[in-house]
Amino acid sequence: MQRAFIPFVMMLAGVTPGHAQQTPEAALQMGEASTTQDVISPVLTIDSERLFRDSAFGERVTREIETQSEQLANENREIETALEAEERELTEKRAQMSPSAFRVLADAFDEKVQRTRAEQASKNRVLSETLELERDRFLSAAGPVLEQLMRNSDAAVILERRRVFVSSSAIEVTDQAISLLDETIGSGLPEAD
């Protein structure tokens, strides 16, 4: 009874006896059009963070976000310098003003500082949202490419490598996926004519 059950479970999982008996060396097969090795396995693993980060698409997005973050940091430093100078000026005027007149100016300054902080925090949130939107766009574009990789590998599933407790490095296909993505979607921008 148990002998009949094992092949049945393997069949449900998409594993044929030939797959189960392959050694890692036999599971690897050279692709004709590719310089990387194509893995033949019913289960593949991928590092999705590295997939995004090391792809041409992810590298472009990272550069753009870093540039915008640097610009925002410079803008924040300029604003901070200007607000510090305004605060010093306000402090110097304090001795020449009545407490009620000073309180009006101090309250207006505090309101300006709070409004400026909120505006700058909003710009920072926009950068984070832009990164997430670009990641989503990348994953949408990567879907068909990863499906093709699955078909080429005779796989039924691709699992996130960090979520797998133990696996053979022979089924890790991040490098192959990056190569395919770079060939098919590139940086994600339309090519110039």
Protein backbone atom coordinates (compact mmCIF):
# COMPACT_ATOMS: atom_id res chain seq x y z
CA MET A 1 0.00 0.00 0.00
CA GLN A 2 2.76 2.45 0.94
CA ARG A 3 4.69 1.74 -2.30
CA ALA A 4 1.69 2.69 -4.41
CA PHE A 5 1.10 5.80 -2.33
CA ILE A 6 4.58 7.35 -2.88
CA PRO A 7 4.39 7.46 -6.71
CA PHE A 8 0.84 8.83 -6.40
CA VAL A 9 2.04 11.70 -4.14
CA MET A 10 4.97 12.37 -6.48
CA MET A 11 2.59 12.48 -9.45
CA LEU A 12 0.33 14.98 -7.65
CA ALA A 13 3.34 17.16 -6.92
CA GLY A 14 4.34 17.04 -10.58
CA VAL A 15 7.41 14.90 -9.88
CA THR A 16 7.91 11.98 -12.19
CA PRO A 17 10.11 9.06 -11.14
CA GLY A 18 12.71 10.34 -13.62
CA HIS A 19 12.79 13.72 -11.85
CA ALA A 20 13.07 12.14 -8.44
CA GLN A 21 16.04 9.99 -9.43
CA GLN A 22 18.06 12.69 -11.20
CA THR A 23 21.27 13.78 -9.55
CA PRO A 24 21.88 17.56 -9.37
CA GLU A 25 24.45 17.18 -12.16
CA ALA A 26 21.95 15.35 -14.37
CA ALA A 27 19.28 17.94 -13.54
CA LEU A 28 21.36 20.65 -15.18
CA GLN A 29 21.30 20.94 -18.94
CA MET A 30 22.95 23.47 -21.24
CA GLY A 31 20.55 25.77 -23.06
CA GLU A 32 21.19 26.22 -26.77
CA ALA A 33 20.60 29.97 -26.99
CA SER A 34 21.73 30.83 -23.49
CA THR A 35 25.18 31.15 -21.96
CA THR A 36 23.73 30.16 -18.57
CA GLN A 37 22.70 26.69 -17.60
CA ASP A 38 18.99 25.86 -17.66
CA VAL A 39 17.82 23.97 -14.61
CA ILE A 40 15.43 21.08 -15.16
CA SER A 41 13.45 20.61 -11.95
CA PRO A 42 9.80 20.61 -10.86
CA VAL A 43 10.65 23.17 -8.16
CA LEU A 44 12.83 26.26 -8.60
CA THR A 45 13.92 28.92 -6.13
CA ILE A 46 14.61 32.59 -6.72
CA ASP A 47 15.86 35.53 -4.66
CA SER A 48 13.29 38.19 -5.58
CA GLU A 49 15.21 41.02 -3.88
CA ARG A 50 18.35 40.25 -5.89
CA LEU A 51 16.22 39.68 -8.99
CA PHE A 52 15.00 43.29 -8.78
CA ARG A 53 18.22 44.85 -7.48
CA ASP A 54 20.59 43.25 -10.03
CA SER A 55 18.35 43.50 -13.09
CA ALA A 56 18.79 46.39 -15.53
CA PHE A 57 15.28 47.53 -14.56
CA GLY A 58 16.07 47.51 -10.82
CA GLU A 59 19.45 49.18 -11.29
CA ARG A 60 17.79 52.02 -13.23
CA VAL A 61 15.08 52.47 -10.59
CA THR A 62 17.65 52.40 -7.79
CA ARG A 63 19.77 55.06 -9.51
CA GLU A 64 16.72 57.28 -10.06
CA ILE A 65 15.50 56.93 -6.47
CA GLU A 66 19.01 57.55 -5.09
CA THR A 67 19.34 60.70 -7.23
CA GLN A 68 15.96 61.99 -6.08
CA SER A 69 16.75 61.09 -2.45
CA GLU A 70 20.02 62.97 -2.67
CA GLN A 71 18.23 66.01 -4.13
CA LEU A 72 15.67 65.85 -1.33
CA ALA A 73 18.43 65.57 1.30
CA ASN A 74 20.16 68.66 -0.18
CA GLU A 75 16.85 70.51 -0.19
CA ASN A 76 16.28 69.52 3.46
CA ARG A 77 19.73 70.82 4.44
CA GLU A 78 19.07 74.15 2.67
CA ILE A 79 15.69 74.48 4.38
CA GLU A 80 17.22 73.61 7.76
CA THR A 81 19.93 76.26 7.31
CA ALA A 82 17.34 78.87 6.32
CA LEU A 83 15.09 78.02 9.28
CA GLU A 84 18.01 78.16 11.72
CA ALA A 85 18.94 81.62 10.41
CA GLU A 86 15.31 82.74 10.73
CA GLU A 87 15.15 81.38 14.29
CA ARG A 88 18.35 83.28 15.27
CA GLU A 89 16.91 86.48 13.78
CA LEU A 90 13.67 85.96 15.71
CA THR A 91 15.59 85.36 18.94
CA GLU A 92 17.57 88.59 18.42
CA LYS A 93 14.32 90.57 17.94
CA ARG A 94 12.84 89.18 21.15
CA ALA A 95 14.57 91.72 23.43
CA GLN A 96 13.16 94.62 21.35
CA MET A 97 9.54 93.35 21.29
CA SER A 98 6.68 93.01 23.72
CA PRO A 99 5.97 89.42 24.81
CA SER A 100 2.63 89.35 22.99
CA ALA A 101 4.15 90.62 19.70
CA PHE A 102 6.99 88.12 20.01
CA ARG A 103 4.49 85.29 20.71
CA VAL A 104 2.68 86.08 17.41
CA LEU A 105 5.96 85.85 15.45
CA ALA A 106 7.11 82.74 17.36
CA ASP A 107 3.78 80.98 16.71
CA ALA A 108 3.96 81.86 13.01
CA PHE A 109 7.52 80.51 12.88
CA ASP A 110 6.51 77.27 14.63
CA GLU A 111 3.64 76.84 12.19
CA LYS A 112 6.02 77.38 9.27
CA VAL A 113 8.44 74.77 10.65
CA GLN A 114 5.65 72.20 11.11
CA ARG A 115 4.26 72.87 7.61
CA THR A 116 7.76 72.56 6.08
CA ARG A 117 8.41 69.27 7.91
CA ALA A 118 5.09 67.88 6.69
CA GLU A 119 5.84 68.93 3.09
CA GLN A 120 9.29 67.33 3.18
CA ALA A 121 7.95 64.15 4.79
CA SER A 122 5.33 64.00 2.03
CA LYS A 123 8.07 64.22 -0.61
CA ASN A 124 9.90 61.36 1.11
CA ARG A 125 6.70 59.26 1.12
CA VAL A 126 6.27 59.93 -2.59
CA LEU A 127 9.77 58.53 -3.20
CA SER A 128 8.91 55.39 -1.22
CA GLU A 129 5.63 55.02 -3.10
CA THR A 130 7.45 55.49 -6.41
CA LEU A 131 9.86 52.69 -5.50
CA GLU A 132 6.95 50.38 -4.61
CA LEU A 133 5.10 51.25 -7.84
CA GLU A 134 8.24 50.50 -9.86
CA ARG A 135 8.67 47.18 -8.03
CA ASP A 136 5.06 46.29 -8.85
CA ARG A 137 5.62 47.29 -12.49
CA PHE A 138 8.75 45.14 -12.55
CA LEU A 139 6.93 42.13 -11.11
CA SER A 140 4.13 42.50 -13.66
CA ALA A 141 6.65 42.61 -16.49
CA ALA A 142 8.66 39.76 -14.95
CA GLY A 143 5.66 37.43 -14.69
CA PRO A 144 5.66 36.19 -18.30
CA VAL A 145 9.46 35.89 -18.28
CA LEU A 146 9.39 33.78 -15.11
CA GLU A 147 6.60 31.65 -16.59
CA GLN A 148 8.82 31.02 -19.62
CA LEU A 149 11.69 30.09 -17.31
CA MET A 150 9.36 27.62 -15.56
CA ARG A 151 8.35 26.07 -18.89
CA ASN A 152 11.99 25.82 -19.98
CA SER A 153 12.82 24.12 -16.69
CA ASP A 154 9.80 21.83 -16.70
CA ALA A 155 8.92 23.38 -13.31
CA ALA A 156 5.56 23.58 -11.59
CA VAL A 157 6.50 26.30 -9.12
CA ILE A 158 9.09 28.97 -8.30
CA LEU A 159 9.55 29.57 -4.59
CA GLU A 160 11.12 32.54 -2.80
CA ARG A 161 14.57 31.30 -1.75
CA ARG A 162 14.47 33.01 1.65
CA ARG A 163 11.21 31.24 2.51
CA VAL A 164 12.62 27.77 1.80
CA PHE A 165 14.17 26.03 4.79
CA VAL A 166 16.66 23.89 2.83
CA SER A 167 17.20 23.48 -0.90
CA SER A 168 19.86 22.53 -3.38
CA SER A 169 21.69 25.39 -5.02
CA ALA A 170 21.11 23.53 -8.31
CA ILE A 171 17.46 24.72 -8.37
CA GLU A 172 18.29 28.40 -7.67
CA VAL A 173 17.59 30.32 -10.91
CA THR A 174 18.01 33.99 -9.98
CA ASP A 175 20.94 34.53 -12.36
CA GLN A 176 19.09 32.91 -15.28
CA ALA A 177 16.00 35.00 -14.49
CA ILE A 178 18.04 38.22 -14.40
CA SER A 179 19.60 37.39 -17.79
CA LEU A 180 16.19 36.68 -19.33
CA LEU A 181 14.68 39.84 -17.84
CA ASP A 182 17.55 41.99 -19.07
CA GLU A 183 17.06 40.52 -22.56
CA THR A 184 13.29 40.98 -22.61
CA ILE A 185 12.38 44.06 -20.55
CA GLY A 186 15.77 45.72 -20.10
CA SER A 187 15.63 48.88 -17.99
CA GLY A 188 11.86 49.12 -18.38
CA LEU A 189 12.10 52.30 -20.43
CA PRO A 190 11.13 52.51 -24.09
CA GLU A 191 14.15 52.31 -26.33
CA ALA A 192 15.13 55.47 -28.16
CA ASP A 193 14.89 55.37 -31.93
